[in-house]
Amino acid sequence: MDLRGAAGPGGDALPPVGDILTPPAPARRFFDDVTAPVKEFALIRDASHFASFRHPDRFLDLMLTHVRPAVTAQPAAR
């Protein structure tokens, strides 16, 4: 699947991450339709649909630096 032309954060092209369950382009379109007080679209390269298992270090870093501060009002940890 060629994802060139699909918009990522800031309008840059989404990288091909090989997720056949939820490819980045439709995931991004869904994300763009969601209204939330705080949201950010993040991809972990070479993680596919199982980011927390394939790249636990990157996944944890995103959780600590982006999700935790949003839900706890505490500064980013790590």
N, C-alpha and C. Protein backbone atom coordinates (compact mmCIF):
# COMPACT_ATOMS: atom_id res chain seq x y z
N MET A 1 0.84 -1.18 0.00
CA MET A 1 0.00 0.00 0.00
C MET A 1 0.88 1.23 0.00
N ASP A 2 0.62 2.14 -0.87
CA ASP A 2 1.38 3.37 -0.97
C ASP A 2 0.67 4.45 -0.16
N LEU A 3 1.34 4.94 0.88
CA LEU A 3 0.72 5.94 1.74
C LEU A 3 1.21 7.35 1.44
N ARG A 4 2.01 7.50 0.38
CA ARG A 4 2.44 8.85 0.04
C ARG A 4 1.21 9.70 -0.26
N GLY A 5 1.22 10.87 0.29
CA GLY A 5 0.09 11.77 0.10
C GLY A 5 -0.87 11.75 1.28
N ALA A 6 -0.79 10.73 2.14
CA ALA A 6 -1.61 10.72 3.36
C ALA A 6 -0.98 11.69 4.35
N ALA A 7 -1.77 12.50 4.99
CA ALA A 7 -1.23 13.54 5.86
C ALA A 7 -1.00 13.03 7.26
N GLY A 8 0.15 13.36 7.80
CA GLY A 8 0.50 13.05 9.18
C GLY A 8 0.44 14.33 10.00
N PRO A 9 1.00 14.30 11.22
CA PRO A 9 1.00 15.51 12.05
C PRO A 9 1.68 16.65 11.30
N GLY A 10 1.08 17.79 11.31
CA GLY A 10 1.65 18.94 10.64
C GLY A 10 1.57 18.89 9.13
N GLY A 11 0.83 17.91 8.58
CA GLY A 11 0.65 17.81 7.15
C GLY A 11 1.73 17.03 6.44
N ASP A 12 2.71 16.48 7.19
CA ASP A 12 3.75 15.71 6.52
C ASP A 12 3.23 14.33 6.15
N ALA A 13 3.91 13.65 5.26
CA ALA A 13 3.45 12.34 4.79
C ALA A 13 3.58 11.29 5.88
N LEU A 14 2.59 10.42 5.97
CA LEU A 14 2.64 9.33 6.94
C LEU A 14 3.61 8.27 6.45
N PRO A 15 4.43 7.74 7.37
CA PRO A 15 5.36 6.69 6.96
C PRO A 15 4.63 5.36 6.82
N PRO A 16 5.05 4.50 5.92
CA PRO A 16 4.44 3.18 5.86
C PRO A 16 4.87 2.38 7.08
N VAL A 17 3.94 1.95 7.90
CA VAL A 17 4.27 1.22 9.12
C VAL A 17 3.86 -0.23 9.05
N GLY A 18 3.28 -0.68 7.96
CA GLY A 18 2.99 -2.09 7.76
C GLY A 18 1.84 -2.65 8.57
N ASP A 19 0.92 -1.85 9.01
CA ASP A 19 -0.21 -2.36 9.78
C ASP A 19 -1.34 -2.70 8.83
N ILE A 20 -1.60 -3.99 8.64
CA ILE A 20 -2.67 -4.38 7.73
C ILE A 20 -4.03 -4.36 8.41
N LEU A 21 -4.07 -4.32 9.75
CA LEU A 21 -5.34 -4.25 10.47
C LEU A 21 -5.90 -2.84 10.46
N THR A 22 -5.06 -1.88 10.73
CA THR A 22 -5.46 -0.48 10.72
C THR A 22 -4.34 0.34 10.11
N PRO A 23 -4.32 0.46 8.78
CA PRO A 23 -3.27 1.26 8.14
C PRO A 23 -3.32 2.71 8.61
N PRO A 24 -2.19 3.40 8.59
CA PRO A 24 -2.12 4.77 9.10
C PRO A 24 -3.08 5.76 8.43
N ALA A 25 -3.28 5.67 7.13
CA ALA A 25 -4.12 6.66 6.45
C ALA A 25 -5.57 6.65 6.95
N PRO A 26 -6.26 5.48 7.01
CA PRO A 26 -7.61 5.50 7.55
C PRO A 26 -7.65 5.82 9.05
N ALA A 27 -6.61 5.40 9.77
CA ALA A 27 -6.56 5.74 11.20
C ALA A 27 -6.47 7.25 11.37
N ARG A 28 -5.68 7.90 10.53
CA ARG A 28 -5.55 9.35 10.60
C ARG A 28 -6.87 10.04 10.24
N ARG A 29 -7.57 9.52 9.24
CA ARG A 29 -8.87 10.12 8.88
C ARG A 29 -9.85 10.00 10.04
N PHE A 30 -9.87 8.85 10.71
CA PHE A 30 -10.73 8.67 11.88
C PHE A 30 -10.33 9.65 12.98
N PHE A 31 -9.04 9.74 13.25
CA PHE A 31 -8.53 10.66 14.27
C PHE A 31 -8.97 12.09 13.98
N ASP A 32 -8.87 12.49 12.72
CA ASP A 32 -9.25 13.85 12.34
C ASP A 32 -10.73 14.13 12.59
N ASP A 33 -11.57 13.09 12.55
CA ASP A 33 -13.00 13.26 12.78
C ASP A 33 -13.38 13.28 14.26
N VAL A 34 -12.47 12.85 15.12
CA VAL A 34 -12.76 12.79 16.56
C VAL A 34 -12.54 14.16 17.18
N THR A 35 -13.52 14.58 17.98
CA THR A 35 -13.39 15.82 18.72
C THR A 35 -13.06 15.46 20.16
N ALA A 36 -11.98 16.04 20.67
CA ALA A 36 -11.55 15.77 22.03
C ALA A 36 -10.83 16.99 22.57
N PRO A 37 -10.88 17.20 23.89
CA PRO A 37 -10.20 18.36 24.45
C PRO A 37 -8.68 18.31 24.26
N VAL A 38 -8.12 17.11 24.28
CA VAL A 38 -6.69 16.92 24.05
C VAL A 38 -6.54 15.69 23.17
N LYS A 39 -5.80 15.82 22.09
CA LYS A 39 -5.54 14.65 21.25
C LYS A 39 -4.28 14.88 20.45
N GLU A 40 -3.60 13.78 20.11
CA GLU A 40 -2.40 13.84 19.30
C GLU A 40 -2.28 12.52 18.56
N PHE A 41 -1.95 12.58 17.30
CA PHE A 41 -1.79 11.38 16.48
C PHE A 41 -0.32 10.99 16.49
N ALA A 42 -0.02 9.78 16.93
CA ALA A 42 1.37 9.32 16.98
C ALA A 42 1.49 7.95 16.35
N LEU A 43 2.53 7.78 15.56
CA LEU A 43 2.84 6.48 14.97
C LEU A 43 4.19 6.02 15.49
N ILE A 44 4.31 4.73 15.73
CA ILE A 44 5.58 4.15 16.10
C ILE A 44 6.04 3.32 14.91
N ARG A 45 7.09 3.75 14.27
CA ARG A 45 7.60 3.10 13.06
C ARG A 45 7.94 1.64 13.34
N ASP A 46 7.57 0.78 12.40
CA ASP A 46 7.83 -0.66 12.47
C ASP A 46 7.15 -1.34 13.64
N ALA A 47 6.04 -0.77 14.10
CA ALA A 47 5.33 -1.36 15.24
C ALA A 47 4.08 -2.11 14.82
N SER A 48 3.55 -1.79 13.65
CA SER A 48 2.33 -2.40 13.18
C SER A 48 1.21 -2.14 14.18
N HIS A 49 0.33 -3.11 14.37
CA HIS A 49 -0.83 -2.93 15.24
C HIS A 49 -0.51 -3.25 16.71
N PHE A 50 0.71 -3.70 16.97
CA PHE A 50 1.05 -4.17 18.31
C PHE A 50 2.21 -3.37 18.89
N ALA A 51 2.09 -2.06 18.87
CA ALA A 51 3.18 -1.18 19.30
C ALA A 51 3.64 -1.47 20.72
N SER A 52 2.72 -1.73 21.61
CA SER A 52 3.11 -1.94 23.01
C SER A 52 3.92 -3.22 23.20
N PHE A 53 3.82 -4.15 22.27
CA PHE A 53 4.58 -5.40 22.35
C PHE A 53 5.85 -5.36 21.50
N ARG A 54 5.77 -4.77 20.32
CA ARG A 54 6.92 -4.76 19.41
C ARG A 54 7.96 -3.72 19.80
N HIS A 55 7.51 -2.58 20.34
CA HIS A 55 8.44 -1.52 20.75
C HIS A 55 7.97 -0.95 22.10
N PRO A 56 8.06 -1.76 23.15
CA PRO A 56 7.55 -1.31 24.45
C PRO A 56 8.24 -0.04 24.96
N ASP A 57 9.52 0.15 24.64
CA ASP A 57 10.22 1.35 25.09
C ASP A 57 9.64 2.61 24.46
N ARG A 58 9.38 2.58 23.17
CA ARG A 58 8.79 3.74 22.48
C ARG A 58 7.35 3.97 22.94
N PHE A 59 6.62 2.87 23.10
CA PHE A 59 5.23 2.97 23.55
C PHE A 59 5.17 3.60 24.95
N LEU A 60 6.01 3.11 25.86
CA LEU A 60 6.03 3.66 27.21
C LEU A 60 6.41 5.13 27.20
N ASP A 61 7.37 5.49 26.37
CA ASP A 61 7.77 6.88 26.27
C ASP A 61 6.60 7.76 25.84
N LEU A 62 5.83 7.32 24.86
CA LEU A 62 4.64 8.08 24.44
C LEU A 62 3.61 8.17 25.56
N MET A 63 3.41 7.07 26.27
CA MET A 63 2.44 7.09 27.37
C MET A 63 2.87 8.07 28.46
N LEU A 64 4.14 8.05 28.80
CA LEU A 64 4.63 8.92 29.88
C LEU A 64 4.73 10.38 29.48
N THR A 65 5.07 10.64 28.23
CA THR A 65 5.28 12.03 27.83
C THR A 65 4.06 12.70 27.21
N HIS A 66 3.08 11.91 26.76
CA HIS A 66 1.91 12.51 26.12
C HIS A 66 0.60 12.17 26.83
N VAL A 67 0.40 10.92 27.18
CA VAL A 67 -0.87 10.51 27.78
C VAL A 67 -0.93 10.86 29.26
N ARG A 68 0.09 10.47 30.01
CA ARG A 68 0.08 10.73 31.45
C ARG A 68 -0.16 12.20 31.79
N PRO A 69 0.57 13.13 31.17
CA PRO A 69 0.31 14.54 31.50
C PRO A 69 -1.12 14.98 31.16
N ALA A 70 -1.68 14.42 30.11
CA ALA A 70 -3.04 14.82 29.72
C ALA A 70 -4.09 14.32 30.70
N VAL A 71 -3.88 13.15 31.28
CA VAL A 71 -4.91 12.58 32.16
C VAL A 71 -4.68 12.88 33.64
N THR A 72 -3.45 13.25 34.00
CA THR A 72 -3.17 13.50 35.42
C THR A 72 -2.85 14.95 35.73
N ALA A 73 -2.65 15.76 34.72
CA ALA A 73 -2.25 17.17 34.89
C ALA A 73 -0.90 17.25 35.58
N GLN A 74 -0.09 16.18 35.51
CA GLN A 74 1.27 16.19 36.03
C GLN A 74 2.23 16.38 34.88
N PRO A 75 3.40 16.91 35.16
CA PRO A 75 4.38 17.07 34.08
C PRO A 75 4.84 15.72 33.53
N ALA A 76 5.34 15.76 32.33
CA ALA A 76 5.83 14.55 31.68
C ALA A 76 6.94 13.91 32.50
N ALA A 77 6.92 12.58 32.54
CA ALA A 77 7.93 11.82 33.25
C ALA A 77 8.81 11.12 32.24
N ARG A 78 9.97 10.68 32.69
CA ARG A 78 10.87 9.81 31.92
C ARG A 78 12.26 10.32 31.96
